[in-house]
Amino acid sequence: MQTTLDVRGMTCGHCEKSVKGAIEELNGVTGVEVHLNTGKVDVTYDDAQVAVADLREAVEEQGYDVVV
């Protein structure tokens, strides 16, 4: 599966690394691409192992807002 999260609050390379790292730690995630200039995060994952809600929670735990 693939989804795109709309993440607010990312402003720098550190933000990008925090979000990418948090998502990559989740079981079932096979790819993460962060687009800092647009705030979009493309995630490829196995929906049998992880849900979109888990992805959103991982980003929000880093202090960023996910717009649904």
N, C-alpha and C. Protein backbone atom coordinates (compact mmCIF):
# COMPACT_ATOMS: atom_id res chain seq x y z
N MET A 1 0.84 -1.18 0.00
CA MET A 1 0.00 0.00 0.00
C MET A 1 0.89 1.24 0.00
N GLN A 2 0.28 2.34 -0.46
CA GLN A 2 0.99 3.61 -0.43
C GLN A 2 0.02 4.70 0.00
N THR A 3 0.50 5.63 0.80
CA THR A 3 -0.31 6.76 1.22
C THR A 3 0.57 7.99 1.30
N THR A 4 -0.07 9.16 1.27
CA THR A 4 0.65 10.42 1.42
C THR A 4 0.07 11.15 2.61
N LEU A 5 0.93 11.49 3.55
CA LEU A 5 0.53 12.26 4.72
C LEU A 5 0.84 13.73 4.47
N ASP A 6 -0.05 14.61 4.91
CA ASP A 6 0.16 16.05 4.83
C ASP A 6 0.59 16.51 6.21
N VAL A 7 1.89 16.79 6.36
CA VAL A 7 2.47 17.09 7.68
C VAL A 7 2.76 18.58 7.78
N ARG A 8 2.27 19.20 8.84
CA ARG A 8 2.49 20.63 9.08
C ARG A 8 3.54 20.81 10.16
N GLY A 9 4.38 21.81 9.97
CA GLY A 9 5.37 22.16 11.00
C GLY A 9 6.80 21.77 10.66
N MET A 10 7.01 21.07 9.55
CA MET A 10 8.37 20.71 9.16
C MET A 10 9.01 21.92 8.47
N THR A 11 10.17 22.34 8.97
CA THR A 11 10.81 23.53 8.40
C THR A 11 12.27 23.34 8.01
N CYS A 12 12.86 22.20 8.43
CA CYS A 12 14.30 22.06 8.18
C CYS A 12 14.68 20.59 8.01
N GLY A 13 15.94 20.36 7.76
CA GLY A 13 16.44 19.01 7.58
C GLY A 13 16.27 18.15 8.82
N HIS A 14 16.40 18.75 9.99
CA HIS A 14 16.21 17.99 11.23
C HIS A 14 14.77 17.51 11.34
N CYS A 15 13.82 18.36 10.96
CA CYS A 15 12.40 17.98 10.96
C CYS A 15 12.19 16.78 10.04
N GLU A 16 12.78 16.87 8.87
CA GLU A 16 12.65 15.81 7.87
C GLU A 16 13.18 14.49 8.42
N LYS A 17 14.35 14.53 9.06
CA LYS A 17 14.95 13.31 9.62
C LYS A 17 14.11 12.75 10.75
N SER A 18 13.55 13.62 11.59
CA SER A 18 12.72 13.16 12.71
C SER A 18 11.49 12.42 12.22
N VAL A 19 10.81 13.01 11.24
CA VAL A 19 9.59 12.39 10.71
C VAL A 19 9.92 11.09 9.99
N LYS A 20 10.94 11.12 9.15
CA LYS A 20 11.32 9.92 8.40
C LYS A 20 11.73 8.80 9.36
N GLY A 21 12.54 9.12 10.35
CA GLY A 21 13.01 8.12 11.30
C GLY A 21 11.87 7.50 12.09
N ALA A 22 10.93 8.33 12.53
CA ALA A 22 9.81 7.82 13.32
C ALA A 22 8.95 6.85 12.52
N ILE A 23 8.73 7.17 11.26
CA ILE A 23 7.90 6.30 10.42
C ILE A 23 8.65 5.02 10.07
N GLU A 24 9.94 5.15 9.76
CA GLU A 24 10.73 3.97 9.38
C GLU A 24 10.84 2.94 10.50
N GLU A 25 10.70 3.38 11.75
CA GLU A 25 10.80 2.45 12.89
C GLU A 25 9.60 1.51 12.99
N LEU A 26 8.50 1.85 12.33
CA LEU A 26 7.29 1.04 12.43
C LEU A 26 7.43 -0.23 11.60
N ASN A 27 7.00 -1.36 12.19
CA ASN A 27 7.00 -2.62 11.46
C ASN A 27 6.04 -2.53 10.29
N GLY A 28 6.48 -3.00 9.13
CA GLY A 28 5.63 -3.00 7.96
C GLY A 28 5.89 -1.86 7.00
N VAL A 29 6.64 -0.85 7.43
CA VAL A 29 6.96 0.29 6.56
C VAL A 29 8.16 -0.09 5.69
N THR A 30 7.99 0.05 4.38
CA THR A 30 9.06 -0.34 3.46
C THR A 30 9.70 0.85 2.75
N GLY A 31 9.07 2.02 2.84
CA GLY A 31 9.67 3.19 2.19
C GLY A 31 9.06 4.48 2.70
N VAL A 32 9.90 5.51 2.86
CA VAL A 32 9.44 6.82 3.30
C VAL A 32 10.16 7.87 2.48
N GLU A 33 9.40 8.80 1.90
CA GLU A 33 10.00 9.91 1.17
C GLU A 33 9.36 11.19 1.66
N VAL A 34 10.19 12.07 2.26
CA VAL A 34 9.71 13.33 2.81
C VAL A 34 9.99 14.45 1.83
N HIS A 35 8.95 15.23 1.54
CA HIS A 35 9.08 16.40 0.64
C HIS A 35 8.92 17.64 1.52
N LEU A 36 10.04 18.14 1.99
CA LEU A 36 10.05 19.24 2.95
C LEU A 36 9.35 20.49 2.41
N ASN A 37 9.54 20.78 1.13
CA ASN A 37 8.97 22.01 0.55
C ASN A 37 7.45 21.99 0.46
N THR A 38 6.84 20.81 0.38
CA THR A 38 5.38 20.73 0.28
C THR A 38 4.73 20.21 1.56
N GLY A 39 5.53 19.62 2.45
CA GLY A 39 4.99 19.05 3.67
C GLY A 39 4.38 17.67 3.45
N LYS A 40 4.59 17.10 2.29
CA LYS A 40 4.03 15.78 1.98
C LYS A 40 5.04 14.69 2.34
N VAL A 41 4.49 13.59 2.87
CA VAL A 41 5.32 12.43 3.20
C VAL A 41 4.69 11.21 2.54
N ASP A 42 5.41 10.64 1.57
CA ASP A 42 4.93 9.44 0.88
C ASP A 42 5.44 8.22 1.64
N VAL A 43 4.52 7.32 1.98
CA VAL A 43 4.87 6.13 2.75
C VAL A 43 4.38 4.89 2.02
N THR A 44 5.28 3.92 1.86
CA THR A 44 4.93 2.62 1.32
C THR A 44 4.96 1.64 2.48
N TYR A 45 3.88 0.85 2.62
CA TYR A 45 3.78 -0.01 3.80
C TYR A 45 2.93 -1.24 3.52
N ASP A 46 3.02 -2.19 4.44
CA ASP A 46 2.22 -3.42 4.39
C ASP A 46 1.03 -3.20 5.32
N ASP A 47 -0.17 -3.10 4.76
CA ASP A 47 -1.34 -2.78 5.57
C ASP A 47 -1.76 -3.93 6.49
N ALA A 48 -1.12 -5.08 6.36
CA ALA A 48 -1.37 -6.18 7.29
C ALA A 48 -0.58 -5.98 8.59
N GLN A 49 0.44 -5.10 8.54
CA GLN A 49 1.31 -4.89 9.70
C GLN A 49 1.16 -3.52 10.35
N VAL A 50 0.74 -2.53 9.58
CA VAL A 50 0.66 -1.17 10.10
C VAL A 50 -0.50 -0.43 9.43
N ALA A 51 -1.16 0.43 10.19
CA ALA A 51 -2.30 1.20 9.69
C ALA A 51 -1.91 2.66 9.52
N VAL A 52 -2.69 3.38 8.72
CA VAL A 52 -2.43 4.81 8.53
C VAL A 52 -2.48 5.55 9.87
N ALA A 53 -3.37 5.12 10.76
CA ALA A 53 -3.45 5.75 12.09
C ALA A 53 -2.12 5.62 12.84
N ASP A 54 -1.43 4.49 12.66
CA ASP A 54 -0.12 4.30 13.29
C ASP A 54 0.91 5.26 12.71
N LEU A 55 0.85 5.47 11.42
CA LEU A 55 1.77 6.40 10.75
C LEU A 55 1.55 7.81 11.29
N ARG A 56 0.28 8.19 11.36
CA ARG A 56 -0.09 9.52 11.86
C ARG A 56 0.38 9.70 13.30
N GLU A 57 0.18 8.70 14.12
CA GLU A 57 0.57 8.78 15.53
C GLU A 57 2.09 8.93 15.66
N ALA A 58 2.85 8.20 14.85
CA ALA A 58 4.31 8.29 14.91
C ALA A 58 4.79 9.70 14.58
N VAL A 59 4.16 10.34 13.61
CA VAL A 59 4.53 11.71 13.23
C VAL A 59 4.12 12.69 14.32
N GLU A 60 2.92 12.53 14.86
CA GLU A 60 2.43 13.45 15.89
C GLU A 60 3.26 13.34 17.16
N GLU A 61 3.79 12.15 17.46
CA GLU A 61 4.65 11.98 18.63
C GLU A 61 5.95 12.77 18.49
N GLN A 62 6.33 13.11 17.26
CA GLN A 62 7.53 13.91 17.03
C GLN A 62 7.22 15.41 17.14
N GLY A 63 5.95 15.76 17.34
CA GLY A 63 5.58 17.16 17.52
C GLY A 63 5.04 17.86 16.29
N TYR A 64 4.67 17.10 15.28
CA TYR A 64 4.15 17.68 14.04
C TYR A 64 2.67 17.33 13.89
N ASP A 65 1.96 18.15 13.14
CA ASP A 65 0.53 17.92 12.90
C ASP A 65 0.34 17.24 11.57
N VAL A 66 -0.54 16.24 11.55
CA VAL A 66 -0.91 15.56 10.32
C VAL A 66 -2.32 16.02 9.97
N VAL A 67 -2.47 16.61 8.78
CA VAL A 67 -3.76 17.10 8.32
C VAL A 67 -4.46 15.96 7.57
N VAL A 68 -5.69 15.69 7.97
CA VAL A 68 -6.43 14.59 7.36
C VAL A 68 -7.29 15.12 6.23
